[in-house]
Amino acid sequence: MVPLAYSNVGAQYAFYAVLGMFGASEWSIRYRSRMNRGGAQRDRGSLYVVILAAVLGVVAAFVFAHDTRGAGISVARWPILVIGLAIVLLGVALRQWSVLSLGKFFTVQVRVRSDQTVVDTGPYRWVRHPSYTAIILSFVGMGVALENWLSLAVLVVVPTIGLVIRIRVEERALQEALGEPYRQFSASRARLIPKVW
């Protein structure tokens, strides 16, 4: 079954408009990050791992949606498309909220400033890395909107692997720099999904 995003003009417009919003949101986040360049960089190449995992996941998902029709979802196609696009937008909104909550401490590369403090407001009340939760949500939504089980699986698994590697690097840097306040913060909330992990 070919996804509506490939076979129906209205669905194509909606799908690519939402993906455009996702891309524009990520571009705006990168732009804001350039203004927050202070502090020692401790990225260890993890940004490139995240980008590579995201690109591989997206490319594989689009190929599966086109070529693996047996894995297509054939029921309630319009509602599934709409739900998927809504999940993408929910992820975009959560990511923007997360970035705004961090303010001057947000960077796309792992950096720790000398004046950095633990932020536990906004979505950081519930998880340590809501910005990454948001990215995963957007990819889940994209997979749902592609109406293909393999596309959904690859968009959940591959980018999440990249983000887990990134989380390990980031948490090590924050624990070294912020010490006990960050350890207490970490002990009181999960990384990505409240009360799960």
C-alpha atoms as a PDB file:
ATOM      1  CA  MET A   1       0.000   0.000   0.000  1.00  0.00           C
ATOM      2  CA  VAL A   2       1.490   3.313  -1.114  1.00  0.00           C
ATOM      3  CA  PRO A   3       1.262   5.990   1.622  1.00  0.00           C
ATOM      4  CA  LEU A   4      -1.198   8.833   1.075  1.00  0.00           C
ATOM      5  CA  ALA A   5       1.790  11.178   1.354  1.00  0.00           C
ATOM      6  CA  TYR A   6       3.040   9.625  -1.909  1.00  0.00           C
ATOM      7  CA  SER A   7      -0.246   9.088  -3.734  1.00  0.00           C
ATOM      8  CA  ASN A   8      -2.662  11.916  -2.822  1.00  0.00           C
ATOM      9  CA  VAL A   9      -1.944  15.549  -3.677  1.00  0.00           C
ATOM     10  CA  GLY A  10      -3.644  16.983  -0.577  1.00  0.00           C
ATOM     11  CA  ALA A  11      -1.842  14.531   1.662  1.00  0.00           C
ATOM     12  CA  GLN A  12       1.471  15.384  -0.018  1.00  0.00           C
ATOM     13  CA  TYR A  13       0.972  19.097   0.636  1.00  0.00           C
ATOM     14  CA  ALA A  14       0.093  18.459   4.276  1.00  0.00           C
ATOM     15  CA  PHE A  15       2.945  15.991   4.804  1.00  0.00           C
ATOM     16  CA  TYR A  16       5.649  18.166   3.275  1.00  0.00           C
ATOM     17  CA  ALA A  17       4.292  21.342   4.896  1.00  0.00           C
ATOM     18  CA  VAL A  18       4.631  19.707   8.318  1.00  0.00           C
ATOM     19  CA  LEU A  19       8.101  18.367   7.476  1.00  0.00           C
ATOM     20  CA  GLY A  20       8.988  21.894   6.359  1.00  0.00           C
ATOM     21  CA  MET A  21       7.876  23.213   9.758  1.00  0.00           C
ATOM     22  CA  PHE A  22      10.051  20.584  11.429  1.00  0.00           C
ATOM     23  CA  GLY A  23      13.030  21.624   9.281  1.00  0.00           C
ATOM     24  CA  ALA A  24      12.428  25.336   9.888  1.00  0.00           C
ATOM     25  CA  SER A  25      12.202  24.700  13.624  1.00  0.00           C
ATOM     26  CA  GLU A  26      15.523  22.845  13.602  1.00  0.00           C
ATOM     27  CA  TRP A  27      17.128  25.620  11.572  1.00  0.00           C
ATOM     28  CA  SER A  28      15.908  28.264  14.042  1.00  0.00           C
ATOM     29  CA  ILE A  29      17.289  26.200  16.933  1.00  0.00           C
ATOM     30  CA  ARG A  30      20.703  25.936  15.245  1.00  0.00           C
ATOM     31  CA  TYR A  31      20.651  29.690  14.601  1.00  0.00           C
ATOM     32  CA  ARG A  32      19.892  30.466  18.256  1.00  0.00           C
ATOM     33  CA  SER A  33      22.588  28.041  19.339  1.00  0.00           C
ATOM     34  CA  ARG A  34      25.221  30.110  17.530  1.00  0.00           C
ATOM     35  CA  MET A  35      24.589  32.908  20.007  1.00  0.00           C
ATOM     36  CA  ASN A  36      25.394  30.582  22.930  1.00  0.00           C
ATOM     37  CA  ARG A  37      28.939  29.588  22.060  1.00  0.00           C
ATOM     38  CA  GLY A  38      30.440  30.123  25.502  1.00  0.00           C
ATOM     39  CA  GLY A  39      31.989  27.328  27.508  1.00  0.00           C
ATOM     40  CA  ALA A  40      34.216  24.400  26.757  1.00  0.00           C
ATOM     41  CA  GLN A  41      33.103  22.115  23.961  1.00  0.00           C
ATOM     42  CA  ARG A  42      32.723  18.508  25.134  1.00  0.00           C
ATOM     43  CA  ASP A  43      30.816  17.100  22.199  1.00  0.00           C
ATOM     44  CA  ARG A  44      33.175  14.202  21.309  1.00  0.00           C
ATOM     45  CA  GLY A  45      31.598  13.998  17.868  1.00  0.00           C
ATOM     46  CA  SER A  46      28.191  13.079  19.275  1.00  0.00           C
ATOM     47  CA  LEU A  47      26.414  15.741  17.198  1.00  0.00           C
ATOM     48  CA  TYR A  48      27.602  14.001  14.041  1.00  0.00           C
ATOM     49  CA  VAL A  49      26.379  10.656  15.400  1.00  0.00           C
ATOM     50  CA  VAL A  50      22.904  12.163  15.962  1.00  0.00           C
ATOM     51  CA  ILE A  51      22.817  13.726  12.490  1.00  0.00           C
ATOM     52  CA  LEU A  52      23.992  10.510  10.818  1.00  0.00           C
ATOM     53  CA  ALA A  53      21.443   8.403  12.714  1.00  0.00           C
ATOM     54  CA  ALA A  54      18.629  10.829  11.844  1.00  0.00           C
ATOM     55  CA  VAL A  55      19.545  10.923   8.148  1.00  0.00           C
ATOM     56  CA  LEU A  56      19.876   7.120   7.947  1.00  0.00           C
ATOM     57  CA  GLY A  57      16.544   6.673   9.722  1.00  0.00           C
ATOM     58  CA  VAL A  58      14.694   9.123   7.470  1.00  0.00           C
ATOM     59  CA  VAL A  59      16.171   7.781   4.229  1.00  0.00           C
ATOM     60  CA  ALA A  60      15.423   4.173   5.216  1.00  0.00           C
ATOM     61  CA  ALA A  61      11.880   5.110   6.272  1.00  0.00           C
ATOM     62  CA  PHE A  62      11.128   6.765   2.927  1.00  0.00           C
ATOM     63  CA  VAL A  63      12.567   3.792   1.025  1.00  0.00           C
ATOM     64  CA  PHE A  64      10.550   1.318   3.096  1.00  0.00           C
ATOM     65  CA  ALA A  65       7.361   3.353   2.638  1.00  0.00           C
ATOM     66  CA  HIS A  66       7.845   3.285  -1.114  1.00  0.00           C
ATOM     67  CA  ASP A  67       9.248  -0.216  -1.669  1.00  0.00           C
ATOM     68  CA  THR A  68       7.876  -2.383   1.160  1.00  0.00           C
ATOM     69  CA  ARG A  69       4.176  -2.150   0.500  1.00  0.00           C
ATOM     70  CA  GLY A  70       3.413  -5.324   2.426  1.00  0.00           C
ATOM     71  CA  ALA A  71       4.286  -3.433   5.611  1.00  0.00           C
ATOM     72  CA  GLY A  72       1.860  -0.652   4.755  1.00  0.00           C
ATOM     73  CA  ILE A  73      -1.029   0.221   7.046  1.00  0.00           C
ATOM     74  CA  SER A  74      -4.239  -0.141   5.073  1.00  0.00           C
ATOM     75  CA  VAL A  75      -6.939   0.865   7.587  1.00  0.00           C
ATOM     76  CA  ALA A  76      -8.039   4.348   8.665  1.00  0.00           C
ATOM     77  CA  ARG A  77      -5.416   5.880   6.410  1.00  0.00           C
ATOM     78  CA  TRP A  78      -6.522   9.532   6.637  1.00  0.00           C
ATOM     79  CA  PRO A  79      -6.875   9.498  10.429  1.00  0.00           C
ATOM     80  CA  ILE A  80      -3.461   7.824  10.710  1.00  0.00           C
ATOM     81  CA  LEU A  81      -1.887  10.465   8.468  1.00  0.00           C
ATOM     82  CA  VAL A  82      -3.471  13.285  10.484  1.00  0.00           C
ATOM     83  CA  ILE A  83      -2.432  11.712  13.809  1.00  0.00           C
ATOM     84  CA  GLY A  84       1.123  11.274  12.527  1.00  0.00           C
ATOM     85  CA  LEU A  85       1.376  14.901  11.427  1.00  0.00           C
ATOM     86  CA  ALA A  86      -0.063  16.067  14.769  1.00  0.00           C
ATOM     87  CA  ILE A  87       2.613  14.043  16.593  1.00  0.00           C
ATOM     88  CA  VAL A  88       5.336  15.680  14.474  1.00  0.00           C
ATOM     89  CA  LEU A  89       3.994  19.121  15.427  1.00  0.00           C
ATOM     90  CA  LEU A  90       3.753  18.110  19.093  1.00  0.00           C
ATOM     91  CA  GLY A  91       7.442  17.162  18.924  1.00  0.00           C
ATOM     92  CA  VAL A  92       8.304  20.504  17.306  1.00  0.00           C
ATOM     93  CA  ALA A  93       6.433  22.401  20.044  1.00  0.00           C
ATOM     94  CA  LEU A  94       8.071  20.392  22.839  1.00  0.00           C
ATOM     95  CA  ARG A  95      11.528  20.934  21.338  1.00  0.00           C
ATOM     96  CA  GLN A  96      11.003  24.691  21.079  1.00  0.00           C
ATOM     97  CA  TRP A  97       9.730  24.788  24.681  1.00  0.00           C
ATOM     98  CA  SER A  98      12.776  22.820  25.830  1.00  0.00           C
ATOM     99  CA  VAL A  99      15.187  25.153  24.042  1.00  0.00           C
ATOM    100  CA  LEU A 100      13.437  28.246  25.412  1.00  0.00           C
ATOM    101  CA  SER A 101      13.542  26.785  28.930  1.00  0.00           C
ATOM    102  CA  LEU A 102      17.314  26.292  28.718  1.00  0.00           C
ATOM    103  CA  GLY A 103      17.819  29.793  27.339  1.00  0.00           C
ATOM    104  CA  LYS A 104      21.473  30.814  27.156  1.00  0.00           C
ATOM    105  CA  PHE A 105      22.589  27.330  28.198  1.00  0.00           C
ATOM    106  CA  PHE A 106      21.217  25.665  25.056  1.00  0.00           C
ATOM    107  CA  THR A 107      23.706  24.658  22.361  1.00  0.00           C
ATOM    108  CA  VAL A 108      23.541  22.036  19.629  1.00  0.00           C
ATOM    109  CA  GLN A 109      27.046  20.954  20.614  1.00  0.00           C
ATOM    110  CA  VAL A 110      27.716  19.742  24.131  1.00  0.00           C
ATOM    111  CA  ARG A 111      29.162  22.764  25.931  1.00  0.00           C
ATOM    112  CA  VAL A 112      29.330  23.641  29.602  1.00  0.00           C
ATOM    113  CA  ARG A 113      29.606  27.297  30.618  1.00  0.00           C
ATOM    114  CA  SER A 114      31.313  28.533  33.749  1.00  0.00           C
ATOM    115  CA  ASP A 115      28.045  30.116  34.932  1.00  0.00           C
ATOM    116  CA  GLN A 116      25.884  27.127  34.013  1.00  0.00           C
ATOM    117  CA  THR A 117      23.251  25.922  36.443  1.00  0.00           C
ATOM    118  CA  VAL A 118      20.814  23.021  36.457  1.00  0.00           C
ATOM    119  CA  VAL A 119      17.532  23.941  34.758  1.00  0.00           C
ATOM    120  CA  ASP A 120      14.578  22.120  36.296  1.00  0.00           C
ATOM    121  CA  THR A 121      11.690  24.226  34.991  1.00  0.00           C
ATOM    122  CA  GLY A 122       9.499  23.847  31.927  1.00  0.00           C
ATOM    123  CA  PRO A 123       9.642  20.319  30.510  1.00  0.00           C
ATOM    124  CA  TYR A 124      12.782  19.666  32.582  1.00  0.00           C
ATOM    125  CA  ARG A 125      10.428  19.157  35.531  1.00  0.00           C
ATOM    126  CA  TRP A 126       9.586  15.728  34.121  1.00  0.00           C
ATOM    127  CA  VAL A 127      12.619  14.453  32.180  1.00  0.00           C
ATOM    128  CA  ARG A 128      16.312  15.272  31.881  1.00  0.00           C
ATOM    129  CA  HIS A 129      16.356  15.561  28.085  1.00  0.00           C
ATOM    130  CA  PRO A 130      12.947  16.759  26.844  1.00  0.00           C
ATOM    131  CA  SER A 131      14.541  18.196  23.722  1.00  0.00           C
ATOM    132  CA  TYR A 132      15.583  14.686  22.699  1.00  0.00           C
ATOM    133  CA  THR A 133      12.195  13.290  23.665  1.00  0.00           C
ATOM    134  CA  ALA A 134      10.771  15.894  21.285  1.00  0.00           C
ATOM    135  CA  ILE A 135      13.014  14.777  18.422  1.00  0.00           C
ATOM    136  CA  ILE A 136      11.949  11.169  18.937  1.00  0.00           C
ATOM    137  CA  LEU A 137       8.283  12.261  18.999  1.00  0.00           C
ATOM    138  CA  SER A 138       8.699  14.046  15.674  1.00  0.00           C
ATOM    139  CA  PHE A 139      10.285  10.975  14.100  1.00  0.00           C
ATOM    140  CA  VAL A 140       7.536   8.745  15.502  1.00  0.00           C
ATOM    141  CA  GLY A 141       4.976  11.088  13.960  1.00  0.00           C
ATOM    142  CA  MET A 142       6.780  10.966  10.631  1.00  0.00           C
ATOM    143  CA  GLY A 143       6.763   7.160  10.732  1.00  0.00           C
ATOM    144  CA  VAL A 144       3.054   7.082  11.567  1.00  0.00           C
ATOM    145  CA  ALA A 145       2.294   9.548   8.743  1.00  0.00           C
ATOM    146  CA  LEU A 146       4.156   7.305   6.280  1.00  0.00           C
ATOM    147  CA  GLU A 147       1.617   4.563   7.116  1.00  0.00           C
ATOM    148  CA  ASN A 148       4.223   1.810   7.110  1.00  0.00           C
ATOM    149  CA  TRP A 149       5.260  -0.396  10.038  1.00  0.00           C
ATOM    150  CA  LEU A 150       8.886  -0.711   8.855  1.00  0.00           C
ATOM    151  CA  SER A 151       9.150   3.048   8.353  1.00  0.00           C
ATOM    152  CA  LEU A 152       7.818   3.611  11.855  1.00  0.00           C
ATOM    153  CA  ALA A 153      10.218   1.046  13.344  1.00  0.00           C
ATOM    154  CA  VAL A 154      13.309   2.473  11.653  1.00  0.00           C
ATOM    155  CA  LEU A 155      12.343   6.040  12.623  1.00  0.00           C
ATOM    156  CA  VAL A 156      11.943   5.008  16.250  1.00  0.00           C
ATOM    157  CA  VAL A 157      15.061   2.846  16.549  1.00  0.00           C
ATOM    158  CA  VAL A 158      17.824   4.436  14.448  1.00  0.00           C
ATOM    159  CA  PRO A 159      17.592   8.090  15.583  1.00  0.00           C
ATOM    160  CA  THR A 160      17.060   6.943  19.186  1.00  0.00           C
ATOM    161  CA  ILE A 161      20.349   5.016  19.079  1.00  0.00           C
ATOM    162  CA  GLY A 162      22.128   8.214  18.035  1.00  0.00           C
ATOM    163  CA  LEU A 163      20.406  10.186  20.794  1.00  0.00           C
ATOM    164  CA  VAL A 164      21.271   7.613  23.472  1.00  0.00           C
ATOM    165  CA  ILE A 165      24.951   7.909  22.491  1.00  0.00           C
ATOM    166  CA  ARG A 166      24.606  11.685  22.695  1.00  0.00           C
ATOM    167  CA  ILE A 167      22.923  11.490  26.118  1.00  0.00           C
ATOM    168  CA  ARG A 168      25.823   9.454  27.513  1.00  0.00           C
ATOM    169  CA  VAL A 169      28.335  12.089  26.351  1.00  0.00           C
ATOM    170  CA  GLU A 170      26.199  15.007  27.545  1.00  0.00           C
ATOM    171  CA  GLU A 171      25.476  13.567  30.979  1.00  0.00           C
ATOM    172  CA  ARG A 172      29.144  12.784  31.583  1.00  0.00           C
ATOM    173  CA  ALA A 173      30.047  16.390  30.731  1.00  0.00           C
ATOM    174  CA  LEU A 174      27.303  17.841  32.935  1.00  0.00           C
ATOM    175  CA  GLN A 175      28.161  15.621  35.906  1.00  0.00           C
ATOM    176  CA  GLU A 176      31.826  16.585  35.667  1.00  0.00           C
ATOM    177  CA  ALA A 177      31.034  20.293  35.399  1.00  0.00           C
ATOM    178  CA  LEU A 178      28.029  20.707  37.686  1.00  0.00           C
ATOM    179  CA  GLY A 179      28.692  17.959  40.213  1.00  0.00           C
ATOM    180  CA  GLU A 180      26.196  17.244  42.979  1.00  0.00           C
ATOM    181  CA  PRO A 181      23.362  19.521  41.757  1.00  0.00           C
ATOM    182  CA  TYR A 182      23.264  17.628  38.473  1.00  0.00           C
ATOM    183  CA  ARG A 183      23.495  14.245  40.226  1.00  0.00           C
ATOM    184  CA  GLN A 184      20.476  15.189  42.363  1.00  0.00           C
ATOM    185  CA  PHE A 185      18.617  16.405  39.278  1.00  0.00           C
ATOM    186  CA  SER A 186      19.411  13.120  37.484  1.00  0.00           C
ATOM    187  CA  ALA A 187      18.299  11.007  40.428  1.00  0.00           C
ATOM    188  CA  SER A 188      14.860  12.644  40.487  1.00  0.00           C
ATOM    189  CA  ARG A 189      13.755  12.177  36.857  1.00  0.00           C
ATOM    190  CA  ALA A 190      14.123   9.814  33.902  1.00  0.00           C
ATOM    191  CA  ARG A 191      16.163  10.674  30.815  1.00  0.00           C
ATOM    192  CA  LEU A 192      13.532  10.612  28.055  1.00  0.00           C
ATOM    193  CA  ILE A 193      10.238   9.090  29.173  1.00  0.00           C
ATOM    194  CA  PRO A 194       8.843   9.896  32.642  1.00  0.00           C
ATOM    195  CA  LYS A 195       9.167   6.938  35.041  1.00  0.00           C
ATOM    196  CA  VAL A 196      10.529   4.697  32.245  1.00  0.00           C
ATOM    197  CA  TRP A 197      14.065   5.708  31.158  1.00  0.00           C
END
